[in-house]
C-alpha atoms as a PDB file:
ATOM      1  CA  UNK A   1     102.380 139.518 206.582  1.00  0.00           C
ATOM      2  CA  UNK A   2     101.515 136.433 208.603  1.00  0.00           C
ATOM      3  CA  UNK A   3     103.010 132.973 208.196  1.00  0.00           C
ATOM      4  CA  UNK A   4      99.769 131.494 206.825  1.00  0.00           C
ATOM      5  CA  UNK A   5      99.763 134.056 203.984  1.00  0.00           C
ATOM      6  CA  UNK A   6     103.457 133.431 203.208  1.00  0.00           C
ATOM      7  CA  UNK A   7     102.848 129.674 203.099  1.00  0.00           C
ATOM      8  CA  UNK A   8      99.975 130.175 200.651  1.00  0.00           C
ATOM      9  CA  UNK A   9     102.164 132.298 198.345  1.00  0.00           C
ATOM     10  CA  UNK A  10     104.956 129.740 198.608  1.00  0.00           C
ATOM     11  CA  UNK A  11     102.588 126.919 197.687  1.00  0.00           C
ATOM     12  CA  UNK A  12     101.313 128.831 194.621  1.00  0.00           C
ATOM     13  CA  UNK A  13     104.863 129.554 193.449  1.00  0.00           C
ATOM     14  CA  UNK A  14     105.842 125.902 193.924  1.00  0.00           C
ATOM     15  CA  UNK A  15     102.854 124.739 191.867  1.00  0.00           C
ATOM     16  CA  UNK A  16     103.750 127.215 189.099  1.00  0.00           C
ATOM     17  CA  UNK A  17     107.381 126.037 189.025  1.00  0.00           C
ATOM     18  CA  UNK A  18     106.373 122.348 188.910  1.00  0.00           C
ATOM     19  CA  UNK A  19     103.859 123.059 186.131  1.00  0.00           C
ATOM     20  CA  UNK A  20     106.482 124.924 184.111  1.00  0.00           C
ATOM     21  CA  UNK A  21     109.111 122.196 184.512  1.00  0.00           C
ATOM     22  CA  UNK A  22     106.577 119.500 183.636  1.00  0.00           C
ATOM     23  CA  UNK A  23     105.513 121.428 180.556  1.00  0.00           C
ATOM     24  CA  UNK A  24     109.122 121.848 179.415  1.00  0.00           C
ATOM     25  CA  UNK A  25     109.960 118.208 180.136  1.00  0.00           C
ATOM     26  CA  UNK A  26     106.942 116.622 178.473  1.00  0.00           C
ATOM     27  CA  UNK A  27     106.348 119.425 176.030  1.00  0.00           C
ATOM     28  CA  UNK A  28     102.590 119.097 176.313  1.00  0.00           C
ATOM     29  CA  UNK A  29     102.781 116.142 173.947  1.00  0.00           C
ATOM     30  CA  UNK A  30     103.458 113.245 176.266  1.00  0.00           C
ATOM     31  CA  UNK A  31     106.951 112.912 174.778  1.00  0.00           C
ATOM     32  CA  UNK A  32     109.673 112.826 177.412  1.00  0.00           C
ATOM     33  CA  UNK A  33     112.537 115.197 176.735  1.00  0.00           C
ATOM     34  CA  UNK A  34     110.780 118.227 175.203  1.00  0.00           C
ATOM     35  CA  UNK A  35     108.391 119.391 172.530  1.00  0.00           C
ATOM     36  CA  UNK A  36     110.229 117.951 169.528  1.00  0.00           C
ATOM     37  CA  UNK A  37     108.245 115.487 167.489  1.00  0.00           C
ATOM     38  CA  UNK A  38     109.872 112.705 165.478  1.00  0.00           C
ATOM     39  CA  UNK A  39     109.305 114.765 162.328  1.00  0.00           C
ATOM     40  CA  UNK A  40     111.100 117.745 163.898  1.00  0.00           C
ATOM     41  CA  UNK A  41     114.062 115.598 164.936  1.00  0.00           C
ATOM     42  CA  UNK A  42     114.317 113.965 161.505  1.00  0.00           C
ATOM     43  CA  UNK A  43     114.235 117.291 159.668  1.00  0.00           C
ATOM     44  CA  UNK A  44     116.821 118.747 162.056  1.00  0.00           C
ATOM     45  CA  UNK A  45     119.101 115.707 161.550  1.00  0.00           C
ATOM     46  CA  UNK A  46     118.469 115.671 157.802  1.00  0.00           C
ATOM     47  CA  UNK A  47     117.992 111.911 157.705  1.00  0.00           C
ATOM     48  CA  UNK A  48     115.566 109.075 158.407  1.00  0.00           C
ATOM     49  CA  UNK A  49     116.991 106.034 160.204  1.00  0.00           C
ATOM     50  CA  UNK A  50     115.362 102.917 158.790  1.00  0.00           C
ATOM     51  CA  UNK A  51     115.099  99.337 160.016  1.00  0.00           C
ATOM     52  CA  UNK A  52     114.419  96.701 157.382  1.00  0.00           C
ATOM     53  CA  UNK A  53     113.644  93.018 156.840  1.00  0.00           C
ATOM     54  CA  UNK A  54     115.118  91.310 153.768  1.00  0.00           C
ATOM     55  CA  UNK A  55     112.070  90.308 151.716  1.00  0.00           C
ATOM     56  CA  UNK A  56     112.568  90.126 147.916  1.00  0.00           C
ATOM     57  CA  UNK A  57     111.504  91.654 145.622  1.00  0.00           C
ATOM     58  CA  UNK A  58     110.624  94.569 147.920  1.00  0.00           C
ATOM     59  CA  UNK A  59     113.859  94.600 149.928  1.00  0.00           C
ATOM     60  CA  UNK A  60     116.881  92.844 148.447  1.00  0.00           C
ATOM     61  CA  UNK A  61     120.431  92.738 149.784  1.00  0.00           C
ATOM     62  CA  UNK A  62     123.378  92.065 147.503  1.00  0.00           C
ATOM     63  CA  UNK A  63     125.364  89.275 149.229  1.00  0.00           C
ATOM     64  CA  UNK A  64     128.678  90.638 147.920  1.00  0.00           C
ATOM     65  CA  UNK A  65     128.321  94.388 148.435  1.00  0.00           C
ATOM     66  CA  UNK A  66     125.529  94.594 151.021  1.00  0.00           C
ATOM     67  CA  UNK A  67     123.774  97.161 148.819  1.00  0.00           C
ATOM     68  CA  UNK A  68     120.005  97.315 149.236  1.00  0.00           C
ATOM     69  CA  UNK A  69     117.487  97.572 146.420  1.00  0.00           C
ATOM     70  CA  UNK A  70     113.933  96.506 145.643  1.00  0.00           C
ATOM     71  CA  UNK A  71     110.457  97.950 145.308  1.00  0.00           C
ATOM     72  CA  UNK A  72     110.165  99.385 148.818  1.00  0.00           C
ATOM     73  CA  UNK A  73     113.842 100.296 149.168  1.00  0.00           C
ATOM     74  CA  UNK A  74     113.798 102.341 145.952  1.00  0.00           C
ATOM     75  CA  UNK A  75     110.427 103.859 146.862  1.00  0.00           C
ATOM     76  CA  UNK A  76     111.672 105.089 150.239  1.00  0.00           C
ATOM     77  CA  UNK A  77     114.939 106.370 148.755  1.00  0.00           C
ATOM     78  CA  UNK A  78     112.874 108.369 146.246  1.00  0.00           C
ATOM     79  CA  UNK A  79     110.620 109.698 149.022  1.00  0.00           C
ATOM     80  CA  UNK A  80     113.715 110.771 150.954  1.00  0.00           C
ATOM     81  CA  UNK A  81     115.090 112.577 147.906  1.00  0.00           C
ATOM     82  CA  UNK A  82     111.804 114.420 147.388  1.00  0.00           C
ATOM     83  CA  UNK A  83     111.696 115.362 151.077  1.00  0.00           C
ATOM     84  CA  UNK A  84     115.349 116.480 150.952  1.00  0.00           C
ATOM     85  CA  UNK A  85     116.216 113.877 153.578  1.00  0.00           C
ATOM     86  CA  UNK A  86     118.880 111.170 153.520  1.00  0.00           C
ATOM     87  CA  UNK A  87     117.557 107.634 154.037  1.00  0.00           C
ATOM     88  CA  UNK A  88     119.933 105.759 156.348  1.00  0.00           C
ATOM     89  CA  UNK A  89     119.269 102.004 156.177  1.00  0.00           C
ATOM     90  CA  UNK A  90     120.403 101.517 159.756  1.00  0.00           C
ATOM     91  CA  UNK A  91     119.640  97.975 160.856  1.00  0.00           C
ATOM     92  CA  UNK A  92     118.520  94.635 159.446  1.00  0.00           C
ATOM     93  CA  UNK A  93     115.891  93.167 161.758  1.00  0.00           C
ATOM     94  CA  UNK A  94     113.611  90.135 162.054  1.00  0.00           C
ATOM     95  CA  UNK A  95     109.836  90.008 161.783  1.00  0.00           C
ATOM     96  CA  UNK A  96     109.419  89.304 165.496  1.00  0.00           C
ATOM     97  CA  UNK A  97     111.761  92.050 166.726  1.00  0.00           C
ATOM     98  CA  UNK A  98     111.199  94.857 164.208  1.00  0.00           C
ATOM     99  CA  UNK A  99     108.542  96.742 166.194  1.00  0.00           C
ATOM    100  CA  UNK A 100     110.453  96.235 169.449  1.00  0.00           C
ATOM    101  CA  UNK A 101     113.447  98.019 167.883  1.00  0.00           C
ATOM    102  CA  UNK A 102     111.184 100.780 166.587  1.00  0.00           C
ATOM    103  CA  UNK A 103     109.691 101.354 170.029  1.00  0.00           C
ATOM    104  CA  UNK A 104     113.171 101.361 171.561  1.00  0.00           C
ATOM    105  CA  UNK A 105     114.198 104.169 169.202  1.00  0.00           C
ATOM    106  CA  UNK A 106     116.930 102.263 167.353  1.00  0.00           C
ATOM    107  CA  UNK A 107     115.460 103.536 164.077  1.00  0.00           C
ATOM    108  CA  UNK A 108     112.683 105.915 163.009  1.00  0.00           C
ATOM    109  CA  UNK A 109     110.631 103.562 160.837  1.00  0.00           C
ATOM    110  CA  UNK A 110     110.561 100.161 159.140  1.00  0.00           C
ATOM    111  CA  UNK A 111     111.014 100.457 155.386  1.00  0.00           C
ATOM    112  CA  UNK A 112     110.319  96.937 154.149  1.00  0.00           C
ATOM    113  CA  UNK A 113     106.773  95.781 153.338  1.00  0.00           C
ATOM    114  CA  UNK A 114     104.730  94.942 156.423  1.00  0.00           C
ATOM    115  CA  UNK A 115     101.188  93.605 156.401  1.00  0.00           C
ATOM    116  CA  UNK A 116      98.833  95.325 158.797  1.00  0.00           C
ATOM    117  CA  UNK A 117      97.325  93.294 161.624  1.00  0.00           C
ATOM    118  CA  UNK A 118      95.412  94.030 164.809  1.00  0.00           C
ATOM    119  CA  UNK A 119      98.247  92.908 167.162  1.00  0.00           C
ATOM    120  CA  UNK A 120     100.748  95.118 165.315  1.00  0.00           C
ATOM    121  CA  UNK A 121      98.322  98.054 165.398  1.00  0.00           C
ATOM    122  CA  UNK A 122      98.446  98.045 169.211  1.00  0.00           C
ATOM    123  CA  UNK A 123     102.175  98.857 169.053  1.00  0.00           C
ATOM    124  CA  UNK A 124     102.759 100.960 165.940  1.00  0.00           C
ATOM    125  CA  UNK A 125     101.167 102.911 163.093  1.00  0.00           C
ATOM    126  CA  UNK A 126     101.281 102.248 159.352  1.00  0.00           C
ATOM    127  CA  UNK A 127     101.793 104.213 156.162  1.00  0.00           C
ATOM    128  CA  UNK A 128      99.285 104.109 153.335  1.00  0.00           C
ATOM    129  CA  UNK A 129      99.333 100.727 151.516  1.00  0.00           C
ATOM    130  CA  UNK A 130     101.575 100.916 148.455  1.00  0.00           C
ATOM    131  CA  UNK A 131     100.362  97.631 146.970  1.00  0.00           C
ATOM    132  CA  UNK A 132      98.377  94.557 147.961  1.00  0.00           C
ATOM    133  CA  UNK A 133      99.421  90.940 147.803  1.00  0.00           C
ATOM    134  CA  UNK A 134      97.572  87.650 148.036  1.00  0.00           C
ATOM    135  CA  UNK A 135      98.551  84.998 150.578  1.00  0.00           C
ATOM    136  CA  UNK A 136      97.887  81.512 149.261  1.00  0.00           C
ATOM    137  CA  UNK A 137      98.009  78.063 150.843  1.00  0.00           C
ATOM    138  CA  UNK A 138     100.727  75.795 149.452  1.00  0.00           C
ATOM    139  CA  UNK A 139     100.896  72.020 149.909  1.00  0.00           C
ATOM    140  CA  UNK A 140     102.639  69.101 148.218  1.00  0.00           C
ATOM    141  CA  UNK A 141     101.316  68.209 144.734  1.00  0.00           C
ATOM    142  CA  UNK A 142      99.797  64.903 145.912  1.00  0.00           C
ATOM    143  CA  UNK A 143      98.045  66.378 148.963  1.00  0.00           C
ATOM    144  CA  UNK A 144      94.438  67.279 148.045  1.00  0.00           C
ATOM    145  CA  UNK A 145      92.938  67.585 151.545  1.00  0.00           C
ATOM    146  CA  UNK A 146      92.501  71.354 151.272  1.00  0.00           C
ATOM    147  CA  UNK A 147      91.416  71.776 147.649  1.00  0.00           C
ATOM    148  CA  UNK A 148      87.740  72.524 148.409  1.00  0.00           C
ATOM    149  CA  UNK A 149      87.949  74.091 151.864  1.00  0.00           C
ATOM    150  CA  UNK A 150      90.585  75.459 154.206  1.00  0.00           C
ATOM    151  CA  UNK A 151      88.675  74.152 157.244  1.00  0.00           C
ATOM    152  CA  UNK A 152      90.530  70.779 157.336  1.00  0.00           C
ATOM    153  CA  UNK A 153      93.748  72.676 158.090  1.00  0.00           C
ATOM    154  CA  UNK A 154      92.400  73.303 161.584  1.00  0.00           C
ATOM    155  CA  UNK A 155      93.373  69.832 162.797  1.00  0.00           C
ATOM    156  CA  UNK A 156      96.040  68.660 165.286  1.00  0.00           C
ATOM    157  CA  UNK A 157      97.466  66.366 162.612  1.00  0.00           C
ATOM    158  CA  UNK A 158      98.150  69.225 160.193  1.00  0.00           C
ATOM    159  CA  UNK A 159     101.519  70.999 160.407  1.00  0.00           C
ATOM    160  CA  UNK A 160     101.867  74.635 159.290  1.00  0.00           C
ATOM    161  CA  UNK A 161     105.357  75.950 158.467  1.00  0.00           C
ATOM    162  CA  UNK A 162     105.695  79.582 159.575  1.00  0.00           C
ATOM    163  CA  UNK A 163     108.453  82.068 160.375  1.00  0.00           C
ATOM    164  CA  UNK A 164     108.388  83.429 163.938  1.00  0.00           C
ATOM    165  CA  UNK A 165     106.910  86.936 164.100  1.00  0.00           C
ATOM    166  CA  UNK A 166     105.764  86.903 160.466  1.00  0.00           C
ATOM    167  CA  UNK A 167     102.065  87.338 159.690  1.00  0.00           C
ATOM    168  CA  UNK A 168     101.595  83.731 158.507  1.00  0.00           C
ATOM    169  CA  UNK A 169     102.379  82.720 162.086  1.00  0.00           C
ATOM    170  CA  UNK A 170      99.599  84.999 163.338  1.00  0.00           C
ATOM    171  CA  UNK A 171      97.171  83.645 160.722  1.00  0.00           C
ATOM    172  CA  UNK A 172      97.978  80.088 161.795  1.00  0.00           C
ATOM    173  CA  UNK A 173      97.295  80.851 165.455  1.00  0.00           C
ATOM    174  CA  UNK A 174      94.114  82.861 164.829  1.00  0.00           C
ATOM    175  CA  UNK A 175      92.462  80.931 162.007  1.00  0.00           C
ATOM    176  CA  UNK A 176      93.751  77.394 162.593  1.00  0.00           C
ATOM    177  CA  UNK A 177      94.408  77.128 166.348  1.00  0.00           C
ATOM    178  CA  UNK A 178      94.126  73.309 166.388  1.00  0.00           C
ATOM    179  CA  UNK A 179      96.920  72.819 163.845  1.00  0.00           C
ATOM    180  CA  UNK A 180     100.564  72.418 164.841  1.00  0.00           C
ATOM    181  CA  UNK A 181     102.988  75.206 163.916  1.00  0.00           C
ATOM    182  CA  UNK A 182     106.415  74.192 162.655  1.00  0.00           C
ATOM    183  CA  UNK A 183     108.334  77.335 163.630  1.00  0.00           C
ATOM    184  CA  UNK A 184     111.268  78.808 161.749  1.00  0.00           C
ATOM    185  CA  UNK A 185     113.586  81.486 163.236  1.00  0.00           C
ATOM    186  CA  UNK A 186     112.542  85.058 162.473  1.00  0.00           C
ATOM    187  CA  UNK A 187     115.533  85.778 160.229  1.00  0.00           C
ATOM    188  CA  UNK A 188     114.820  82.695 158.105  1.00  0.00           C
ATOM    189  CA  UNK A 189     113.772  83.190 154.501  1.00  0.00           C
ATOM    190  CA  UNK A 190     110.051  82.736 153.825  1.00  0.00           C
ATOM    191  CA  UNK A 191     111.002  80.219 151.134  1.00  0.00           C
ATOM    192  CA  UNK A 192     112.255  77.931 153.925  1.00  0.00           C
ATOM    193  CA  UNK A 193     108.617  77.434 154.942  1.00  0.00           C
ATOM    194  CA  UNK A 194     107.931  76.154 151.416  1.00  0.00           C
ATOM    195  CA  UNK A 195     110.996  73.909 151.609  1.00  0.00           C
ATOM    196  CA  UNK A 196     109.594  72.390 154.804  1.00  0.00           C
ATOM    197  CA  UNK A 197     106.389  71.582 152.930  1.00  0.00           C
ATOM    198  CA  UNK A 198     108.217  70.140 149.913  1.00  0.00           C
ATOM    199  CA  UNK A 199     110.383  67.896 152.111  1.00  0.00           C
ATOM    200  CA  UNK A 200     107.467  66.672 154.263  1.00  0.00           C
ATOM    201  CA  UNK A 201     108.440  68.496 157.464  1.00  0.00           C
ATOM    202  CA  UNK A 202     105.169  70.422 157.240  1.00  0.00           C
ATOM    203  CA  UNK A 203     101.881  70.031 155.373  1.00  0.00           C
ATOM    204  CA  UNK A 204     101.100  73.616 154.384  1.00  0.00           C
ATOM    205  CA  UNK A 205     102.586  77.098 154.319  1.00  0.00           C
ATOM    206  CA  UNK A 206     100.857  80.465 153.902  1.00  0.00           C
ATOM    207  CA  UNK A 207     102.982  82.438 151.470  1.00  0.00           C
ATOM    208  CA  UNK A 208     102.690  85.358 149.063  1.00  0.00           C
ATOM    209  CA  UNK A 209     102.199  84.344 145.441  1.00  0.00           C
ATOM    210  CA  UNK A 210     105.344  86.242 144.405  1.00  0.00           C
ATOM    211  CA  UNK A 211     107.550  84.375 146.914  1.00  0.00           C
ATOM    212  CA  UNK A 212     106.072  80.991 145.998  1.00  0.00           C
ATOM    213  CA  UNK A 213     106.441  81.774 142.305  1.00  0.00           C
ATOM    214  CA  UNK A 214     110.159  82.400 142.765  1.00  0.00           C
ATOM    215  CA  UNK A 215     110.491  79.141 144.694  1.00  0.00           C
ATOM    216  CA  UNK A 216     108.687  77.212 141.959  1.00  0.00           C
ATOM    217  CA  UNK A 217     110.953  78.659 139.270  1.00  0.00           C
ATOM    218  CA  UNK A 218     113.877  76.966 141.001  1.00  0.00           C
ATOM    219  CA  UNK A 219     111.936  73.946 142.281  1.00  0.00           C
ATOM    220  CA  UNK A 220     109.276  73.129 139.683  1.00  0.00           C
ATOM    221  CA  UNK A 221     106.507  70.768 140.765  1.00  0.00           C
ATOM    222  CA  UNK A 222     107.563  70.627 144.440  1.00  0.00           C
ATOM    223  CA  UNK A 223     104.562  72.536 145.842  1.00  0.00           C
ATOM    224  CA  UNK A 224     101.232  73.839 144.554  1.00  0.00           C
ATOM    225  CA  UNK A 225      98.677  76.504 145.359  1.00  0.00           C
ATOM    226  CA  UNK A 226      95.734  74.439 146.575  1.00  0.00           C
ATOM    227  CA  UNK A 227      93.068  77.048 145.715  1.00  0.00           C
ATOM    228  CA  UNK A 228      94.420  79.483 143.088  1.00  0.00           C
ATOM    229  CA  UNK A 229      91.083  81.271 142.714  1.00  0.00           C
ATOM    230  CA  UNK A 230      90.586  81.674 146.456  1.00  0.00           C
ATOM    231  CA  UNK A 231      93.489  83.344 148.301  1.00  0.00           C
ATOM    232  CA  UNK A 232      93.572  82.812 152.057  1.00  0.00           C
ATOM    233  CA  UNK A 233      94.131  86.530 152.683  1.00  0.00           C
ATOM    234  CA  UNK A 234      94.789  89.719 150.727  1.00  0.00           C
ATOM    235  CA  UNK A 235      96.890  92.212 152.660  1.00  0.00           C
ATOM    236  CA  UNK A 236      98.133  95.746 152.166  1.00  0.00           C
ATOM    237  CA  UNK A 237     101.895  96.236 152.106  1.00  0.00           C
ATOM    238  CA  UNK A 238     102.821  99.236 154.254  1.00  0.00           C
ATOM    239  CA  UNK A 239     105.771 100.815 156.026  1.00  0.00           C
ATOM    240  CA  UNK A 240     105.700 101.027 159.823  1.00  0.00           C
ATOM    241  CA  UNK A 241     106.106 104.223 161.869  1.00  0.00           C
ATOM    242  CA  UNK A 242     106.127 104.804 165.624  1.00  0.00           C
ATOM    243  CA  UNK A 243     102.783 105.003 167.373  1.00  0.00           C
ATOM    244  CA  UNK A 244     101.446 108.533 167.822  1.00  0.00           C
ATOM    245  CA  UNK A 245     103.877 110.327 165.480  1.00  0.00           C
ATOM    246  CA  UNK A 246     101.108 111.652 163.240  1.00  0.00           C
ATOM    247  CA  UNK A 247     103.063 114.530 161.719  1.00  0.00           C
ATOM    248  CA  UNK A 248     105.828 112.191 160.543  1.00  0.00           C
ATOM    249  CA  UNK A 249     103.290 109.670 159.210  1.00  0.00           C
ATOM    250  CA  UNK A 250     101.483 112.438 157.300  1.00  0.00           C
ATOM    251  CA  UNK A 251     104.733 113.670 155.745  1.00  0.00           C
ATOM    252  CA  UNK A 252     105.703 110.134 154.703  1.00  0.00           C
ATOM    253  CA  UNK A 253     102.221 109.382 153.335  1.00  0.00           C
ATOM    254  CA  UNK A 254     102.281 112.503 151.158  1.00  0.00           C
ATOM    255  CA  UNK A 255     105.666 111.552 149.701  1.00  0.00           C
ATOM    256  CA  UNK A 256     104.538 107.965 149.020  1.00  0.00           C
ATOM    257  CA  UNK A 257     101.180 109.052 147.568  1.00  0.00           C
ATOM    258  CA  UNK A 258     103.078 111.302 145.194  1.00  0.00           C
ATOM    259  CA  UNK A 259     104.913 108.233 143.863  1.00  0.00           C
ATOM    260  CA  UNK A 260     101.624 106.377 143.398  1.00  0.00           C
ATOM    261  CA  UNK A 261     100.070 109.344 141.581  1.00  0.00           C
ATOM    262  CA  UNK A 262     103.049 109.908 139.284  1.00  0.00           C
ATOM    263  CA  UNK A 263     103.389 106.271 138.231  1.00  0.00           C
ATOM    264  CA  UNK A 264     106.865 106.032 139.794  1.00  0.00           C
ATOM    265  CA  UNK A 265     105.814 103.220 142.118  1.00  0.00           C
ATOM    266  CA  UNK A 266     104.070 101.277 139.338  1.00  0.00           C
ATOM    267  CA  UNK A 267     107.329 101.433 137.359  1.00  0.00           C
ATOM    268  CA  UNK A 268     109.203  99.998 140.360  1.00  0.00           C
ATOM    269  CA  UNK A 269     106.768  97.085 140.577  1.00  0.00           C
ATOM    270  CA  UNK A 270     107.213  96.421 136.869  1.00  0.00           C
ATOM    271  CA  UNK A 271     111.006  96.579 137.250  1.00  0.00           C
ATOM    272  CA  UNK A 272     111.272  94.131 140.151  1.00  0.00           C
ATOM    273  CA  UNK A 273     108.176  91.923 139.863  1.00  0.00           C
ATOM    274  CA  UNK A 274     109.335  88.533 138.578  1.00  0.00           C
ATOM    275  CA  UNK A 275     105.893  86.904 138.680  1.00  0.00           C
ATOM    276  CA  UNK A 276     103.582  89.179 136.636  1.00  0.00           C
ATOM    277  CA  UNK A 277     100.327  90.010 138.376  1.00  0.00           C
ATOM    278  CA  UNK A 278     101.458  88.933 141.833  1.00  0.00           C
ATOM    279  CA  UNK A 279     100.949  92.435 143.290  1.00  0.00           C
ATOM    280  CA  UNK A 280      97.734  94.442 143.134  1.00  0.00           C
ATOM    281  CA  UNK A 281      97.763  98.266 142.977  1.00  0.00           C
ATOM    282  CA  UNK A 282      95.654 100.332 145.406  1.00  0.00           C
ATOM    283  CA  UNK A 283      92.242 101.383 144.102  1.00  0.00           C
ATOM    284  CA  UNK A 284      92.033 104.926 142.794  1.00  0.00           C
ATOM    285  CA  UNK A 285      90.223 107.386 145.036  1.00  0.00           C
ATOM    286  CA  UNK A 286      88.866 109.345 142.069  1.00  0.00           C
ATOM    287  CA  UNK A 287      87.039 108.866 138.768  1.00  0.00           C
ATOM    288  CA  UNK A 288      88.336 110.323 135.544  1.00  0.00           C
ATOM    289  CA  UNK A 289      85.843 112.650 133.842  1.00  0.00           C
ATOM    290  CA  UNK A 290      83.936 111.016 130.990  1.00  0.00           C
END
């Protein structure tokens, strides 16, 4: 057997070994470390690690006990129970850093309500929407510049209060690029944006009706919805999962859809919603027989 033949056999064996090792390492899925998907790892561990943003009434934290509750918290706990998985509320995060932590693997998903957006979709995937909410424009009661059109907001002399990393910040940059953004730190309460408007530090804030309604209950007459019949945006409230983990997303979606179908989620909204009618249910995908 000549050397050229031996070299050829050696080369073939080397290629086979490299292919095998690569297959074992990447698992044919592009996931470093083996074939296990996120769903497989979660089921093996028996728990889902969850990052969350405090955002009442969907995610509420008791200041004395640290206990979490709210529409989305209770919904995910119920989904975990039905999936026979423990829900471990691992880490409180900010709007601007939540996806970064997800991509770094610090938790398996984000369990507080997150509005979908194109920039976020480049970094993560989303569950089915559990409810929809309207984002309105709030100004001081004596400021009527925006009552007929939102176009005048797009002016260098107009100041928009927005929390860093939160969707209102994205809306401000995309829809009103000429306006000035008065930034708040990402762990700030959304109601602080309304406070900035009420105290004259900003001219407008883009806030959910439910959040503004709570603020107005404690601060009557300080701000107003400039166009009640014309919300600036209507967004779906979802949970966030890692990009590409389709089997985990499908499992979560089935568990959440079950809650929508059974009326469990509607009961949660009724329990926690302090401003009636501030959340809109998803449209049914079927018609009842006549």
